[in-house]
């Protein structure tokens, strides 16, 4: 069994969906962990981000590159709107 560790904090659910989709397409083992807590109605998501992606350390660089690309594309889209 592989050991999973925190690789990156994700900013929002759209970023999380995009990153998860790319990781699945590349067959990269991962687990998305949301920070949402229904008892606090998502309060911590506004402070800490949407959640995190956990994966084996050997995939760290590739995952960080995917997250960076997702953020770059989101920033470009905001600039054109």
PDB file of N, CA and C in Angstrom:
ATOM      1  N   UNK A   1       0.839  -1.188   0.000  1.00  0.00           N
ATOM      2  CA  UNK A   1       0.000   0.000   0.000  1.00  0.00           C
ATOM      3  C   UNK A   1       0.879   1.244   0.000  1.00  0.00           C
ATOM      4  N   UNK A   2       0.495   2.224  -0.784  1.00  0.00           N
ATOM      5  CA  UNK A   2       1.260   3.465  -0.882  1.00  0.00           C
ATOM      6  C   UNK A   2       0.893   4.405   0.256  1.00  0.00           C
ATOM      7  N   UNK A   3       1.883   5.163   0.714  1.00  0.00           N
ATOM      8  CA  UNK A   3       1.629   6.199   1.712  1.00  0.00           C
ATOM      9  C   UNK A   3       1.228   7.478   0.998  1.00  0.00           C
ATOM     10  N   UNK A   4       0.133   8.059   1.427  1.00  0.00           N
ATOM     11  CA  UNK A   4      -0.351   9.308   0.857  1.00  0.00           C
ATOM     12  C   UNK A   4       0.005  10.450   1.795  1.00  0.00           C
ATOM     13  N   UNK A   5       0.343  11.592   1.210  1.00  0.00           N
ATOM     14  CA  UNK A   5       0.640  12.789   1.995  1.00  0.00           C
ATOM     15  C   UNK A   5       0.011  13.996   1.323  1.00  0.00           C
ATOM     16  N   UNK A   6      -0.102  15.070   2.078  1.00  0.00           N
ATOM     17  CA  UNK A   6      -0.663  16.313   1.544  1.00  0.00           C
ATOM     18  C   UNK A   6       0.293  16.867   0.493  1.00  0.00           C
ATOM     19  N   UNK A   7      -0.242  17.097  -0.694  1.00  0.00           N
ATOM     20  CA  UNK A   7       0.562  17.620  -1.798  1.00  0.00           C
ATOM     21  C   UNK A   7       0.264  19.095  -2.031  1.00  0.00           C
ATOM     22  N   UNK A   8      -1.012  19.468  -2.048  1.00  0.00           N
ATOM     23  CA  UNK A   8      -1.373  20.857  -2.340  1.00  0.00           C
ATOM     24  C   UNK A   8      -2.740  21.186  -1.758  1.00  0.00           C
ATOM     25  N   UNK A   9      -2.937  22.464  -1.435  1.00  0.00           N
ATOM     26  CA  UNK A   9      -4.242  22.972  -1.018  1.00  0.00           C
ATOM     27  C   UNK A   9      -4.935  23.505  -2.265  1.00  0.00           C
ATOM     28  N   UNK A  10      -6.189  23.121  -2.443  1.00  0.00           N
ATOM     29  CA  UNK A  10      -6.967  23.548  -3.596  1.00  0.00           C
ATOM     30  C   UNK A  10      -7.872  24.705  -3.195  1.00  0.00           C
ATOM     31  N   UNK A  11      -8.017  25.677  -4.087  1.00  0.00           N
ATOM     32  CA  UNK A  11      -8.721  26.916  -3.761  1.00  0.00           C
ATOM     33  C   UNK A  11     -10.241  26.813  -3.781  1.00  0.00           C
ATOM     34  N   UNK A  12     -10.789  26.024  -4.702  1.00  0.00           N
ATOM     35  CA  UNK A  12     -12.246  25.969  -4.827  1.00  0.00           C
ATOM     36  C   UNK A  12     -12.676  24.657  -5.473  1.00  0.00           C
ATOM     37  N   UNK A  13     -13.977  24.438  -5.541  1.00  0.00           N
ATOM     38  CA  UNK A  13     -14.481  23.165  -6.052  1.00  0.00           C
ATOM     39  C   UNK A  13     -14.229  22.981  -7.544  1.00  0.00           C
ATOM     40  N   UNK A  14     -14.205  24.052  -8.300  1.00  0.00           N
ATOM     41  CA  UNK A  14     -13.932  23.941  -9.735  1.00  0.00           C
ATOM     42  C   UNK A  14     -12.493  23.492  -9.958  1.00  0.00           C
ATOM     43  N   UNK A  15     -11.570  24.104  -9.230  1.00  0.00           N
ATOM     44  CA  UNK A  15     -10.169  23.687  -9.313  1.00  0.00           C
ATOM     45  C   UNK A  15     -10.033  22.225  -8.888  1.00  0.00           C
ATOM     46  N   UNK A  16     -10.728  21.841  -7.836  1.00  0.00           N
ATOM     47  CA  UNK A  16     -10.668  20.459  -7.348  1.00  0.00           C
ATOM     48  C   UNK A  16     -11.171  19.483  -8.413  1.00  0.00           C
ATOM     49  N   UNK A  17     -12.272  19.819  -9.078  1.00  0.00           N
ATOM     50  CA  UNK A  17     -12.821  18.950 -10.121  1.00  0.00           C
ATOM     51  C   UNK A  17     -11.857  18.826 -11.296  1.00  0.00           C
ATOM     52  N   UNK A  18     -11.258  19.946 -11.699  1.00  0.00           N
ATOM     53  CA  UNK A  18     -10.317  19.926 -12.815  1.00  0.00           C
ATOM     54  C   UNK A  18      -9.097  19.074 -12.478  1.00  0.00           C
ATOM     55  N   UNK A  19      -8.511  19.316 -11.309  1.00  0.00           N
ATOM     56  CA  UNK A  19      -7.317  18.574 -10.893  1.00  0.00           C
ATOM     57  C   UNK A  19      -7.639  17.082 -10.789  1.00  0.00           C
ATOM     58  N   UNK A  20      -8.765  16.743 -10.185  1.00  0.00           N
ATOM     59  CA  UNK A  20      -9.154  15.335 -10.055  1.00  0.00           C
ATOM     60  C   UNK A  20      -9.304  14.680 -11.425  1.00  0.00           C
ATOM     61  N   UNK A  21      -9.892  15.406 -12.368  1.00  0.00           N
ATOM     62  CA  UNK A  21     -10.083  14.872 -13.714  1.00  0.00           C
ATOM     63  C   UNK A  21      -8.746  14.564 -14.386  1.00  0.00           C
ATOM     64  N   UNK A  22      -7.805  15.491 -14.281  1.00  0.00           N
ATOM     65  CA  UNK A  22      -6.487  15.284 -14.892  1.00  0.00           C
ATOM     66  C   UNK A  22      -5.762  14.127 -14.207  1.00  0.00           C
ATOM     67  N   UNK A  23      -5.825  14.078 -12.887  1.00  0.00           N
ATOM     68  CA  UNK A  23      -5.157  12.995 -12.158  1.00  0.00           C
ATOM     69  C   UNK A  23      -5.743  11.639 -12.543  1.00  0.00           C
ATOM     70  N   UNK A  24      -7.052  11.568 -12.693  1.00  0.00           N
ATOM     71  CA  UNK A  24      -7.689  10.317 -13.106  1.00  0.00           C
ATOM     72  C   UNK A  24      -7.277   9.942 -14.525  1.00  0.00           C
ATOM     73  N   UNK A  25      -7.242  10.925 -15.431  1.00  0.00           N
ATOM     74  CA  UNK A  25      -6.828  10.662 -16.814  1.00  0.00           C
ATOM     75  C   UNK A  25      -5.406  10.119 -16.883  1.00  0.00           C
ATOM     76  N   UNK A  26      -4.553  10.578 -15.985  1.00  0.00           N
ATOM     77  CA  UNK A  26      -3.150  10.146 -15.966  1.00  0.00           C
ATOM     78  C   UNK A  26      -2.912   8.950 -15.040  1.00  0.00           C
ATOM     79  N   UNK A  27      -3.980   8.416 -14.485  1.00  0.00           N
ATOM     80  CA  UNK A  27      -3.905   7.266 -13.565  1.00  0.00           C
ATOM     81  C   UNK A  27      -2.980   7.522 -12.383  1.00  0.00           C
ATOM     82  N   UNK A  28      -3.042   8.737 -11.859  1.00  0.00           N
ATOM     83  CA  UNK A  28      -2.249   9.100 -10.684  1.00  0.00           C
ATOM     84  C   UNK A  28      -3.100   8.833  -9.447  1.00  0.00           C
ATOM     85  N   UNK A  29      -2.622   7.992  -8.545  1.00  0.00           N
ATOM     86  CA  UNK A  29      -3.399   7.724  -7.334  1.00  0.00           C
ATOM     87  C   UNK A  29      -3.506   8.983  -6.479  1.00  0.00           C
ATOM     88  N   UNK A  30      -4.711   9.263  -6.002  1.00  0.00           N
ATOM     89  CA  UNK A  30      -4.925  10.482  -5.225  1.00  0.00           C
ATOM     90  C   UNK A  30      -6.206  10.386  -4.408  1.00  0.00           C
ATOM     91  N   UNK A  31      -6.310  11.252  -3.427  1.00  0.00           N
ATOM     92  CA  UNK A  31      -7.526  11.409  -2.638  1.00  0.00           C
ATOM     93  C   UNK A  31      -7.730  12.899  -2.436  1.00  0.00           C
ATOM     94  N   UNK A  32      -8.920  13.395  -2.773  1.00  0.00           N
ATOM     95  CA  UNK A  32      -9.255  14.785  -2.489  1.00  0.00           C
ATOM     96  C   UNK A  32      -9.946  14.826  -1.134  1.00  0.00           C
ATOM     97  N   UNK A  33      -9.508  15.736  -0.297  1.00  0.00           N
ATOM     98  CA  UNK A  33     -10.089  15.882   1.040  1.00  0.00           C
ATOM     99  C   UNK A  33     -10.631  17.293   1.176  1.00  0.00           C
ATOM    100  N   UNK A  34     -11.951  17.409   1.274  1.00  0.00           N
ATOM    101  CA  UNK A  34     -12.595  18.710   1.421  1.00  0.00           C
ATOM    102  C   UNK A  34     -12.487  19.188   2.860  1.00  0.00           C
ATOM    103  N   UNK A  35     -12.330  20.495   3.036  1.00  0.00           N
ATOM    104  CA  UNK A  35     -12.316  21.083   4.374  1.00  0.00           C
ATOM    105  C   UNK A  35     -13.729  21.436   4.842  1.00  0.00           C
ATOM    106  N   UNK A  36     -14.722  21.160   4.022  1.00  0.00           N
ATOM    107  CA  UNK A  36     -16.102  21.525   4.371  1.00  0.00           C
ATOM    108  C   UNK A  36     -16.546  20.772   5.619  1.00  0.00           C
ATOM    109  N   UNK A  37     -17.113  21.514   6.524  1.00  0.00           N
ATOM    110  CA  UNK A  37     -17.659  20.960   7.758  1.00  0.00           C
ATOM    111  C   UNK A  37     -19.095  21.453   7.863  1.00  0.00           C
ATOM    112  N   UNK A  38     -20.041  20.552   7.749  1.00  0.00           N
ATOM    113  CA  UNK A  38     -21.445  20.963   7.740  1.00  0.00           C
ATOM    114  C   UNK A  38     -21.857  21.631   9.048  1.00  0.00           C
ATOM    115  N   UNK A  39     -21.199  21.296  10.133  1.00  0.00           N
ATOM    116  CA  UNK A  39     -21.537  21.924  11.417  1.00  0.00           C
ATOM    117  C   UNK A  39     -21.250  23.423  11.399  1.00  0.00           C
ATOM    118  N   UNK A  40     -20.259  23.825  10.605  1.00  0.00           N
ATOM    119  CA  UNK A  40     -19.888  25.241  10.527  1.00  0.00           C
ATOM    120  C   UNK A  40     -20.244  25.856   9.175  1.00  0.00           C
ATOM    121  N   UNK A  41     -21.058  25.141   8.376  1.00  0.00           N
ATOM    122  CA  UNK A  41     -21.548  25.629   7.089  1.00  0.00           C
ATOM    123  C   UNK A  41     -20.433  26.121   6.168  1.00  0.00           C
ATOM    124  N   UNK A  42     -19.336  25.386   6.109  1.00  0.00           N
ATOM    125  CA  UNK A  42     -18.257  25.723   5.193  1.00  0.00           C
ATOM    126  C   UNK A  42     -17.389  26.892   5.607  1.00  0.00           C
ATOM    127  N   UNK A  43     -17.484  27.335   6.840  1.00  0.00           N
ATOM    128  CA  UNK A  43     -16.728  28.487   7.330  1.00  0.00           C
ATOM    129  C   UNK A  43     -15.232  28.344   7.074  1.00  0.00           C
ATOM    130  N   UNK A  44     -14.691  27.167   7.313  1.00  0.00           N
ATOM    131  CA  UNK A  44     -13.247  26.984   7.193  1.00  0.00           C
ATOM    132  C   UNK A  44     -12.776  26.951   5.748  1.00  0.00           C
ATOM    133  N   UNK A  45     -13.681  26.667   4.810  1.00  0.00           N
ATOM    134  CA  UNK A  45     -13.289  26.682   3.406  1.00  0.00           C
ATOM    135  C   UNK A  45     -12.942  28.095   2.952  1.00  0.00           C
ATOM    136  N   UNK A  46     -13.576  29.096   3.510  1.00  0.00           N
ATOM    137  CA  UNK A  46     -13.255  30.469   3.119  1.00  0.00           C
ATOM    138  C   UNK A  46     -11.920  30.900   3.704  1.00  0.00           C
ATOM    139  N   UNK A  47     -11.498  30.270   4.776  1.00  0.00           N
ATOM    140  CA  UNK A  47     -10.241  30.634   5.427  1.00  0.00           C
ATOM    141  C   UNK A  47      -9.067  29.777   4.972  1.00  0.00           C
ATOM    142  N   UNK A  48      -9.318  28.507   4.715  1.00  0.00           N
ATOM    143  CA  UNK A  48      -8.237  27.560   4.459  1.00  0.00           C
ATOM    144  C   UNK A  48      -8.194  27.029   3.040  1.00  0.00           C
ATOM    145  N   UNK A  49      -9.148  27.376   2.206  1.00  0.00           N
ATOM    146  CA  UNK A  49      -9.229  26.817   0.870  1.00  0.00           C
ATOM    147  C   UNK A  49     -10.269  25.717   0.812  1.00  0.00           C
ATOM    148  N   UNK A  50     -10.527  25.211  -0.380  1.00  0.00           N
ATOM    149  CA  UNK A  50     -11.555  24.182  -0.559  1.00  0.00           C
ATOM    150  C   UNK A  50     -11.185  22.891   0.158  1.00  0.00           C
ATOM    151  N   UNK A  51      -9.936  22.505   0.023  1.00  0.00           N
ATOM    152  CA  UNK A  51      -9.474  21.242   0.586  1.00  0.00           C
ATOM    153  C   UNK A  51      -8.074  20.945   0.091  1.00  0.00           C
ATOM    154  N   UNK A  52      -7.711  19.690   0.124  1.00  0.00           N
ATOM    155  CA  UNK A  52      -6.354  19.337  -0.283  1.00  0.00           C
ATOM    156  C   UNK A  52      -6.357  18.081  -1.132  1.00  0.00           C
ATOM    157  N   UNK A  53      -5.280  17.925  -1.890  1.00  0.00           N
ATOM    158  CA  UNK A  53      -5.073  16.704  -2.658  1.00  0.00           C
ATOM    159  C   UNK A  53      -3.956  15.930  -1.965  1.00  0.00           C
ATOM    160  N   UNK A  54      -4.230  14.672  -1.691  1.00  0.00           N
ATOM    161  CA  UNK A  54      -3.267  13.772  -1.071  1.00  0.00           C
ATOM    162  C   UNK A  54      -2.865  12.725  -2.097  1.00  0.00           C
ATOM    163  N   UNK A  55      -1.581  12.389  -2.108  1.00  0.00           N
ATOM    164  CA  UNK A  55      -1.076  11.412  -3.068  1.00  0.00           C
ATOM    165  C   UNK A  55       0.297  10.931  -2.602  1.00  0.00           C
ATOM    166  N   UNK A  56       0.817   9.889  -3.233  1.00  0.00           N
ATOM    167  CA  UNK A  56       2.176   9.464  -2.907  1.00  0.00           C
ATOM    168  C   UNK A  56       3.184  10.565  -3.247  1.00  0.00           C
ATOM    169  N   UNK A  57       4.204  10.689  -2.433  1.00  0.00           N
ATOM    170  CA  UNK A  57       5.216  11.737  -2.615  1.00  0.00           C
ATOM    171  C   UNK A  57       5.879  11.667  -3.989  1.00  0.00           C
ATOM    172  N   UNK A  58       5.956  10.493  -4.563  1.00  0.00           N
ATOM    173  CA  UNK A  58       6.619  10.346  -5.862  1.00  0.00           C
ATOM    174  C   UNK A  58       5.888  11.097  -6.983  1.00  0.00           C
ATOM    175  N   UNK A  59       4.641  11.477  -6.757  1.00  0.00           N
ATOM    176  CA  UNK A  59       3.862  12.219  -7.758  1.00  0.00           C
ATOM    177  C   UNK A  59       3.805  13.718  -7.468  1.00  0.00           C
ATOM    178  N   UNK A  60       4.485  14.168  -6.418  1.00  0.00           N
ATOM    179  CA  UNK A  60       4.401  15.565  -5.970  1.00  0.00           C
ATOM    180  C   UNK A  60       4.642  16.565  -7.103  1.00  0.00           C
ATOM    181  N   UNK A  61       5.754  16.463  -7.787  1.00  0.00           N
ATOM    182  CA  UNK A  61       6.093  17.450  -8.820  1.00  0.00           C
ATOM    183  C   UNK A  61       5.051  17.490  -9.935  1.00  0.00           C
ATOM    184  N   UNK A  62       4.603  16.330 -10.363  1.00  0.00           N
ATOM    185  CA  UNK A  62       3.610  16.275 -11.441  1.00  0.00           C
ATOM    186  C   UNK A  62       2.280  16.894 -10.999  1.00  0.00           C
ATOM    187  N   UNK A  63       1.870  16.615  -9.768  1.00  0.00           N
ATOM    188  CA  UNK A  63       0.611  17.166  -9.263  1.00  0.00           C
ATOM    189  C   UNK A  63       0.720  18.673  -9.080  1.00  0.00           C
ATOM    190  N   UNK A  64       1.831  19.140  -8.548  1.00  0.00           N
ATOM    191  CA  UNK A  64       2.005  20.583  -8.373  1.00  0.00           C
ATOM    192  C   UNK A  64       1.987  21.301  -9.717  1.00  0.00           C
ATOM    193  N   UNK A  65       2.525  20.663 -10.740  1.00  0.00           N
ATOM    194  CA  UNK A  65       2.489  21.240 -12.086  1.00  0.00           C
ATOM    195  C   UNK A  65       1.044  21.310 -12.600  1.00  0.00           C
ATOM    196  N   UNK A  66       0.261  20.287 -12.337  1.00  0.00           N
ATOM    197  CA  UNK A  66      -1.146  20.262 -12.748  1.00  0.00           C
ATOM    198  C   UNK A  66      -1.927  21.364 -12.037  1.00  0.00           C
ATOM    199  N   UNK A  67      -1.714  21.511 -10.735  1.00  0.00           N
ATOM    200  CA  UNK A  67      -2.397  22.556  -9.961  1.00  0.00           C
ATOM    201  C   UNK A  67      -1.993  23.937 -10.474  1.00  0.00           C
ATOM    202  N   UNK A  68      -0.712  24.122 -10.729  1.00  0.00           N
ATOM    203  CA  UNK A  68      -0.221  25.401 -11.241  1.00  0.00           C
ATOM    204  C   UNK A  68      -0.853  25.732 -12.594  1.00  0.00           C
ATOM    205  N   UNK A  69      -0.959  24.738 -13.456  1.00  0.00           N
ATOM    206  CA  UNK A  69      -1.573  24.946 -14.772  1.00  0.00           C
ATOM    207  C   UNK A  69      -3.053  25.293 -14.627  1.00  0.00           C
ATOM    208  N   UNK A  70      -3.747  24.654 -13.712  1.00  0.00           N
ATOM    209  CA  UNK A  70      -5.165  24.953 -13.477  1.00  0.00           C
ATOM    210  C   UNK A  70      -5.330  26.402 -13.038  1.00  0.00           C
ATOM    211  N   UNK A  71      -4.457  26.861 -12.161  1.00  0.00           N
ATOM    212  CA  UNK A  71      -4.542  28.242 -11.670  1.00  0.00           C
ATOM    213  C   UNK A  71      -4.177  29.243 -12.759  1.00  0.00           C
ATOM    214  N   UNK A  72      -3.216  28.896 -13.593  1.00  0.00           N
ATOM    215  CA  UNK A  72      -2.827  29.775 -14.696  1.00  0.00           C
ATOM    216  C   UNK A  72      -3.992  29.934 -15.669  1.00  0.00           C
ATOM    217  N   UNK A  73      -4.641  28.831 -15.999  1.00  0.00           N
ATOM    218  CA  UNK A  73      -5.776  28.887 -16.917  1.00  0.00           C
ATOM    219  C   UNK A  73      -6.935  29.686 -16.324  1.00  0.00           C
ATOM    220  N   UNK A  74      -7.174  29.530 -15.035  1.00  0.00           N
ATOM    221  CA  UNK A  74      -8.250  30.282 -14.376  1.00  0.00           C
ATOM    222  C   UNK A  74      -7.947  31.776 -14.387  1.00  0.00           C
ATOM    223  N   UNK A  75      -6.685  32.138 -14.153  1.00  0.00           N
ATOM    224  CA  UNK A  75      -6.294  33.550 -14.155  1.00  0.00           C
ATOM    225  C   UNK A  75      -6.443  34.150 -15.550  1.00  0.00           C
ATOM    226  N   UNK A  76      -6.051  33.399 -16.574  1.00  0.00           N
ATOM    227  CA  UNK A  76      -6.195  33.878 -17.948  1.00  0.00           C
ATOM    228  C   UNK A  76      -7.665  34.089 -18.304  1.00  0.00           C
ATOM    229  N   UNK A  77      -8.506  33.183 -17.853  1.00  0.00           N
ATOM    230  CA  UNK A  77      -9.935  33.302 -18.143  1.00  0.00           C
ATOM    231  C   UNK A  77     -10.522  34.537 -17.474  1.00  0.00           C
ATOM    232  N   UNK A  78     -10.108  34.819 -16.240  1.00  0.00           N
ATOM    233  CA  UNK A  78     -10.599  36.006 -15.537  1.00  0.00           C
ATOM    234  C   UNK A  78     -10.151  37.287 -16.225  1.00  0.00           C
ATOM    235  N   UNK A  79      -8.944  37.291 -16.766  1.00  0.00           N
ATOM    236  CA  UNK A  79      -8.426  38.480 -17.440  1.00  0.00           C
ATOM    237  C   UNK A  79      -9.206  38.787 -18.713  1.00  0.00           C
ATOM    238  N   UNK A  80      -9.707  37.763 -19.384  1.00  0.00           N
ATOM    239  CA  UNK A  80     -10.418  37.979 -20.645  1.00  0.00           C
ATOM    240  C   UNK A  80     -11.890  38.321 -20.435  1.00  0.00           C
ATOM    241  N   UNK A  81     -12.381  38.162 -19.225  1.00  0.00           N
ATOM    242  CA  UNK A  81     -13.797  38.479 -18.960  1.00  0.00           C
ATOM    243  C   UNK A  81     -13.991  39.935 -18.647  1.00  0.00           C
TER     244      UNK A  81
END
